[in-house]
Amino acid sequence: MTTDPRPSTAHGPRHRPAPLPVHTAAVRRVPRHPFLDHRGPLALAHRGGAADGLENTHSAFARAVALGYRYLETDVHATADGRLVAFHDETLDRMTDASGPIAGLPWSQVRQALVGGREPLPLMRELLRAFPGARWNIDVKSEAALVPLLELLDEQDAWPRVCVGSFEEERVARAQALAGPRLATSLGTRGVVRLRLRSYGLVPARAVRASAVCVQVPEHRSGIRVVDRAFVRAAHARWMQVHVWTVNERNRMRELLDLGVDGIVTDHIETLRDVLTERGAWMPGPGPR
């Protein structure tokens, strides 16, 4: 038996990565869309890295990019006058010093709200321009935001660096139908259920929407395990990557990577960077311009 010559870290001995299953490696080498063109597992900064409380702000995304993150996760809502705001909640109440539903307010009011009393809400247009080297995983939180988002992606020619998702499978399927193969999409909840059933052999392969390039799921849902080897195999058989959210514990990150998942979404962006670095799998992005 050989000994790993690399030194131990403050977090214990170096973790030797398990070899990737052959099909997993192939899914990464031959991505179905430019969004997924990345060597090694994708590291996605959840809302820019929500651990410090300033989620979905310009400063959060800038910090993630400065740390080397290429993939940023966010959400979009449309204001009453059709402006696309990067923000998770339907209302301003929880995260800002203002209140009210974003969909019922004009941008002139929404722009005055401050996350944590400090940071303004950014427009999606501004973020695409501010971080041209970043790739964005965008959760479309409302039907009203869908067409404006597709129009923005077309205007900015941002198709190669954006993946659109939603809990509503019908919404994301509609986005795919409107934009065609130039748009990367993930499966919605109904699509995930069908893929889970497919992993058990209970439905035919055609039951799963073939146009999705990835599936983005929690490790567990309502006490039921979602991500296991059968699920990963079923996704890879459809040439879909598997991205798991929101994983903040170091050991869970390691175990999921050993399982063969293709990406991890986290609030704790330094932790995930450390885990990937110790495995020789940290592939930083271009950094701030």
Protein backbone atom coordinates (compact mmCIF):
# COMPACT_ATOMS: atom_id res chain seq x y z
CA MET A 1 0.00 0.00 0.00
CA THR A 2 1.37 3.42 -0.92
CA THR A 3 1.22 6.50 1.23
CA ASP A 4 -0.06 9.86 0.02
CA PRO A 5 3.05 12.12 0.13
CA ARG A 6 0.99 15.30 0.32
CA PRO A 7 0.92 17.00 3.74
CA SER A 8 -2.09 16.95 6.00
CA THR A 9 -4.23 20.08 6.26
CA ALA A 10 -5.74 21.80 9.25
CA HIS A 11 -8.90 19.82 8.52
CA GLY A 12 -7.20 16.41 8.70
CA PRO A 13 -5.43 14.20 6.17
CA ARG A 14 -5.82 14.87 2.50
CA HIS A 15 -8.89 13.11 1.12
CA ARG A 16 -7.97 10.88 -1.81
CA PRO A 17 -10.69 11.17 -4.44
CA ALA A 18 -12.38 8.05 -5.71
CA PRO A 19 -12.05 7.47 -9.46
CA LEU A 20 -14.92 8.81 -11.51
CA PRO A 21 -17.29 6.30 -13.06
CA VAL A 22 -16.57 6.06 -16.77
CA HIS A 23 -19.92 7.51 -17.81
CA THR A 24 -19.56 10.41 -15.38
CA ALA A 25 -16.21 11.34 -16.90
CA ALA A 26 -17.72 11.17 -20.38
CA VAL A 27 -20.62 13.46 -19.42
CA ARG A 28 -18.10 16.06 -18.28
CA ARG A 29 -15.77 15.69 -21.26
CA VAL A 30 -18.53 16.05 -23.84
CA PRO A 31 -20.93 18.68 -22.43
CA ARG A 32 -24.19 19.13 -24.28
CA HIS A 33 -24.06 22.93 -23.91
CA PRO A 34 -21.25 25.51 -23.55
CA PHE A 35 -22.53 26.38 -20.06
CA LEU A 36 -21.22 23.03 -18.84
CA ASP A 37 -17.84 23.27 -20.57
CA HIS A 38 -15.65 23.07 -17.47
CA ARG A 39 -12.95 20.64 -16.39
CA GLY A 40 -13.94 18.87 -13.20
CA PRO A 41 -16.95 19.33 -10.91
CA LEU A 42 -18.82 22.62 -11.06
CA ALA A 43 -18.64 24.81 -7.94
CA LEU A 44 -21.71 27.05 -7.78
CA ALA A 45 -21.87 30.00 -5.38
CA HIS A 46 -25.44 29.92 -4.02
CA ARG A 47 -26.83 33.46 -4.30
CA GLY A 48 -23.21 34.52 -4.52
CA GLY A 49 -22.38 32.76 -1.25
CA ALA A 50 -25.23 33.40 1.15
CA ALA A 51 -23.41 32.55 4.37
CA ASP A 52 -22.59 36.18 5.18
CA GLY A 53 -26.21 37.33 4.87
CA LEU A 54 -25.75 39.62 1.86
CA GLU A 55 -27.13 37.13 -0.64
CA ASN A 56 -27.82 38.09 -4.26
CA THR A 57 -25.91 41.37 -4.05
CA HIS A 58 -23.21 42.75 -6.29
CA SER A 59 -20.69 42.52 -3.45
CA ALA A 60 -21.53 38.85 -2.80
CA PHE A 61 -21.02 37.93 -6.45
CA ALA A 62 -17.84 40.01 -6.64
CA ARG A 63 -16.43 38.19 -3.61
CA ALA A 64 -17.21 34.80 -5.15
CA VAL A 65 -15.56 35.76 -8.43
CA ALA A 66 -12.51 37.09 -6.56
CA LEU A 67 -12.22 33.70 -4.83
CA GLY A 68 -12.11 32.03 -8.24
CA TYR A 69 -15.73 31.04 -8.74
CA ARG A 70 -16.84 30.82 -12.35
CA TYR A 71 -20.40 29.61 -11.62
CA LEU A 72 -22.83 31.86 -9.78
CA GLU A 73 -26.37 30.91 -8.77
CA THR A 74 -29.16 33.46 -8.48
CA ASP A 75 -32.90 34.01 -8.83
CA VAL A 76 -34.93 36.54 -10.79
CA HIS A 77 -38.23 38.33 -10.26
CA ALA A 78 -39.85 40.94 -12.48
CA THR A 79 -40.91 44.29 -11.03
CA ALA A 80 -44.28 45.80 -11.90
CA ASP A 81 -42.64 47.65 -14.80
CA GLY A 82 -40.80 44.58 -16.12
CA ARG A 83 -37.28 45.05 -14.73
CA LEU A 84 -35.47 41.82 -13.81
CA VAL A 85 -34.18 41.85 -10.25
CA ALA A 86 -31.74 39.26 -8.88
CA PHE A 87 -33.48 38.30 -5.64
CA HIS A 88 -34.83 35.10 -4.12
CA ASP A 89 -37.98 36.05 -2.23
CA GLU A 90 -41.27 37.24 -3.69
CA THR A 91 -41.32 40.10 -1.19
CA LEU A 92 -38.71 42.48 0.16
CA ASP A 93 -39.68 41.86 3.78
CA ARG A 94 -37.25 39.15 4.93
CA MET A 95 -33.97 40.35 3.47
CA THR A 96 -34.24 44.13 3.15
CA ASP A 97 -35.19 47.25 5.05
CA ALA A 98 -38.28 47.64 2.85
CA SER A 99 -41.46 45.64 2.37
CA GLY A 100 -43.93 44.62 -0.31
CA PRO A 101 -44.09 42.23 -3.26
CA ILE A 102 -41.53 42.83 -5.99
CA ALA A 103 -44.12 42.07 -8.67
CA GLY A 104 -46.36 44.83 -7.33
CA LEU A 105 -43.71 47.55 -7.11
CA PRO A 106 -41.93 49.60 -9.81
CA TRP A 107 -38.16 49.47 -10.07
CA SER A 108 -37.96 53.07 -8.79
CA GLN A 109 -39.15 51.77 -5.41
CA VAL A 110 -37.44 48.38 -5.41
CA ARG A 111 -34.07 49.97 -6.08
CA GLN A 112 -34.28 51.85 -2.77
CA ALA A 113 -34.45 48.64 -0.73
CA LEU A 114 -31.18 47.55 0.92
CA VAL A 115 -30.23 43.94 1.68
CA GLY A 116 -29.17 43.79 5.31
CA GLY A 117 -29.67 47.55 5.36
CA ARG A 118 -26.47 47.91 3.31
CA GLU A 119 -26.60 46.62 -0.27
CA PRO A 120 -29.07 47.44 -3.06
CA LEU A 121 -30.77 44.79 -5.15
CA PRO A 122 -29.00 44.37 -8.51
CA LEU A 123 -30.62 44.12 -11.90
CA MET A 124 -29.81 40.95 -13.82
CA ARG A 125 -28.72 43.11 -16.74
CA GLU A 126 -26.11 44.81 -14.55
CA LEU A 127 -24.75 41.49 -13.27
CA LEU A 128 -24.31 40.02 -16.75
CA ARG A 129 -22.31 43.11 -17.72
CA ALA A 130 -20.34 43.39 -14.48
CA PHE A 131 -19.08 39.77 -14.57
CA PRO A 132 -18.59 38.87 -18.24
CA GLY A 133 -16.50 35.80 -17.41
CA ALA A 134 -19.08 34.32 -15.04
CA ARG A 135 -21.64 31.66 -15.85
CA TRP A 136 -25.04 32.09 -14.29
CA ASN A 137 -27.49 29.49 -13.04
CA ILE A 138 -30.76 31.45 -12.92
CA ASP A 139 -33.90 30.26 -11.15
CA VAL A 140 -36.92 31.97 -12.74
CA LYS A 141 -39.18 32.64 -9.76
CA SER A 142 -42.22 33.98 -11.61
CA GLU A 143 -43.93 33.53 -14.94
CA ALA A 144 -43.71 37.28 -15.50
CA ALA A 145 -39.90 37.06 -15.44
CA LEU A 146 -39.57 34.38 -18.10
CA VAL A 147 -39.92 36.25 -21.38
CA PRO A 148 -37.98 39.33 -20.15
CA LEU A 149 -35.13 37.01 -19.15
CA LEU A 150 -35.03 35.34 -22.56
CA GLU A 151 -35.10 38.77 -24.22
CA LEU A 152 -32.20 39.87 -22.02
CA LEU A 153 -30.15 36.78 -22.87
CA ASP A 154 -30.76 37.43 -26.55
CA GLU A 155 -29.84 41.10 -26.26
CA GLN A 156 -26.62 40.33 -24.37
CA ASP A 157 -25.85 37.20 -26.44
CA ALA A 158 -25.48 35.43 -23.10
CA TRP A 159 -26.86 32.03 -24.16
CA PRO A 160 -23.51 30.17 -23.73
CA ARG A 161 -23.09 31.25 -20.11
CA VAL A 162 -26.57 30.85 -18.64
CA CYS A 163 -28.61 27.88 -17.44
CA VAL A 164 -32.27 28.48 -16.59
CA GLY A 165 -34.11 26.49 -13.98
CA SER A 166 -37.36 26.59 -12.03
CA PHE A 167 -39.31 24.42 -9.61
CA GLU A 168 -42.08 24.58 -12.22
CA GLU A 169 -41.25 22.06 -14.95
CA GLU A 170 -43.86 23.63 -17.23
CA ARG A 171 -42.15 27.02 -16.95
CA VAL A 172 -38.68 25.78 -17.75
CA ALA A 173 -40.01 23.58 -20.56
CA ARG A 174 -41.70 26.67 -21.99
CA ALA A 175 -38.40 28.56 -21.80
CA GLN A 176 -36.74 25.71 -23.69
CA ALA A 177 -39.46 25.69 -26.33
CA LEU A 178 -39.19 29.45 -26.86
CA ALA A 179 -35.38 29.61 -26.98
CA GLY A 180 -34.49 26.22 -28.46
CA PRO A 181 -31.16 24.42 -27.97
CA ARG A 182 -29.18 27.65 -27.51
CA LEU A 183 -30.64 27.75 -23.97
CA ALA A 184 -29.38 25.38 -21.27
CA THR A 185 -32.11 24.27 -18.88
CA SER A 186 -32.38 22.01 -15.86
CA LEU A 187 -35.32 19.81 -14.92
CA GLY A 188 -38.12 21.22 -12.80
CA THR A 189 -39.63 19.33 -9.87
CA ARG A 190 -41.92 17.18 -11.99
CA GLY A 191 -39.01 16.29 -14.23
CA VAL A 192 -36.92 15.34 -11.20
CA VAL A 193 -39.69 13.02 -9.97
CA ARG A 194 -39.81 11.35 -13.36
CA LEU A 195 -36.04 10.91 -13.36
CA ARG A 196 -36.20 9.41 -9.86
CA LEU A 197 -38.86 6.98 -11.08
CA ARG A 198 -36.71 6.22 -14.11
CA SER A 199 -33.81 5.36 -11.79
CA TYR A 200 -36.09 2.69 -10.26
CA GLY A 201 -37.03 1.42 -13.71
CA LEU A 202 -40.67 2.43 -13.19
CA VAL A 203 -41.09 4.72 -16.21
CA PRO A 204 -39.56 4.68 -19.71
CA ALA A 205 -36.68 6.96 -20.64
CA ARG A 206 -38.98 9.08 -22.82
CA ALA A 207 -40.85 10.19 -19.67
CA VAL A 208 -37.91 12.48 -18.81
CA ARG A 209 -37.58 15.72 -20.80
CA ALA A 210 -34.60 15.10 -23.05
CA SER A 211 -33.79 18.78 -23.71
CA ALA A 212 -32.58 19.42 -20.14
CA VAL A 213 -28.78 19.36 -19.85
CA CYS A 214 -28.68 18.95 -16.07
CA VAL A 215 -30.74 18.14 -13.02
CA GLN A 216 -30.37 20.28 -9.89
CA VAL A 217 -31.65 18.70 -6.72
CA PRO A 218 -31.36 18.61 -2.94
CA GLU A 219 -29.68 15.57 -1.44
CA HIS A 220 -32.90 14.81 0.45
CA ARG A 221 -36.47 16.06 0.14
CA SER A 222 -39.20 15.57 2.77
CA GLY A 223 -37.08 12.89 4.44
CA ILE A 224 -36.61 10.98 1.18
CA ARG A 225 -33.17 10.55 -0.31
CA VAL A 226 -32.99 12.00 -3.82
CA VAL A 227 -29.33 11.58 -4.76
CA ASP A 228 -27.86 8.10 -4.80
CA ARG A 229 -25.88 6.04 -7.29
CA ALA A 230 -29.00 4.91 -9.13
CA PHE A 231 -30.16 8.51 -9.56
CA VAL A 232 -26.74 9.64 -10.80
CA ARG A 233 -26.61 6.72 -13.24
CA ALA A 234 -30.10 7.51 -14.56
CA ALA A 235 -29.16 11.15 -15.13
CA HIS A 236 -25.88 10.28 -16.84
CA ALA A 237 -27.66 7.77 -19.06
CA ARG A 238 -29.65 10.77 -20.32
CA TRP A 239 -26.40 12.80 -20.67
CA MET A 240 -27.49 15.13 -17.89
CA GLN A 241 -25.18 16.43 -15.21
CA VAL A 242 -26.23 16.20 -11.54
CA HIS A 243 -25.84 19.33 -9.38
CA VAL A 244 -26.75 19.12 -5.68
CA TRP A 245 -27.95 22.00 -3.48
CA THR A 246 -27.40 23.45 -0.93
CA VAL A 247 -24.40 21.60 0.52
CA ASN A 248 -22.46 23.37 3.27
CA GLU A 249 -20.73 20.56 5.20
CA ARG A 250 -17.26 19.48 4.16
CA ASN A 251 -17.84 15.74 4.56
CA ARG A 252 -21.12 15.84 2.63
CA MET A 253 -19.32 17.60 -0.22
CA ARG A 254 -16.70 14.86 -0.28
CA GLU A 255 -19.24 12.05 -0.18
CA LEU A 256 -21.31 13.53 -2.99
CA LEU A 257 -18.25 14.04 -5.17
CA ASP A 258 -17.24 10.43 -4.53
CA LEU A 259 -20.75 9.44 -5.59
CA GLY A 260 -20.07 11.00 -8.99
CA VAL A 261 -22.16 14.19 -8.89
CA ASP A 262 -21.06 16.83 -11.37
CA GLY A 263 -21.58 19.99 -9.33
CA ILE A 264 -22.26 21.32 -5.84
CA VAL A 265 -24.17 24.48 -4.89
CA THR A 266 -23.06 26.00 -1.59
CA ASP A 267 -23.43 28.98 0.71
CA HIS A 268 -19.96 28.30 2.16
CA ILE A 269 -17.84 29.09 -0.84
CA GLU A 270 -14.47 28.90 0.91
CA THR A 271 -15.27 25.40 2.20
CA LEU A 272 -16.17 24.05 -1.22
CA ARG A 273 -13.09 25.65 -2.74
CA ASP A 274 -10.94 23.92 -0.08
CA VAL A 275 -12.56 20.52 -0.72
CA LEU A 276 -12.04 20.76 -4.47
CA THR A 277 -8.49 22.03 -3.99
CA GLU A 278 -7.53 19.08 -1.80
CA ARG A 279 -8.82 16.75 -4.53
CA GLY A 280 -6.93 18.55 -7.28
CA ALA A 281 -10.30 19.53 -8.81
CA TRP A 282 -10.44 23.28 -8.18
CA MET A 283 -10.53 25.00 -11.55
CA PRO A 284 -10.83 28.74 -10.93
CA GLY A 285 -12.55 31.08 -13.33
CA PRO A 286 -11.03 34.11 -15.03
CA GLY A 287 -11.48 36.32 -11.96
CA PRO A 288 -12.54 39.97 -11.89
CA ARG A 289 -11.96 41.93 -15.05
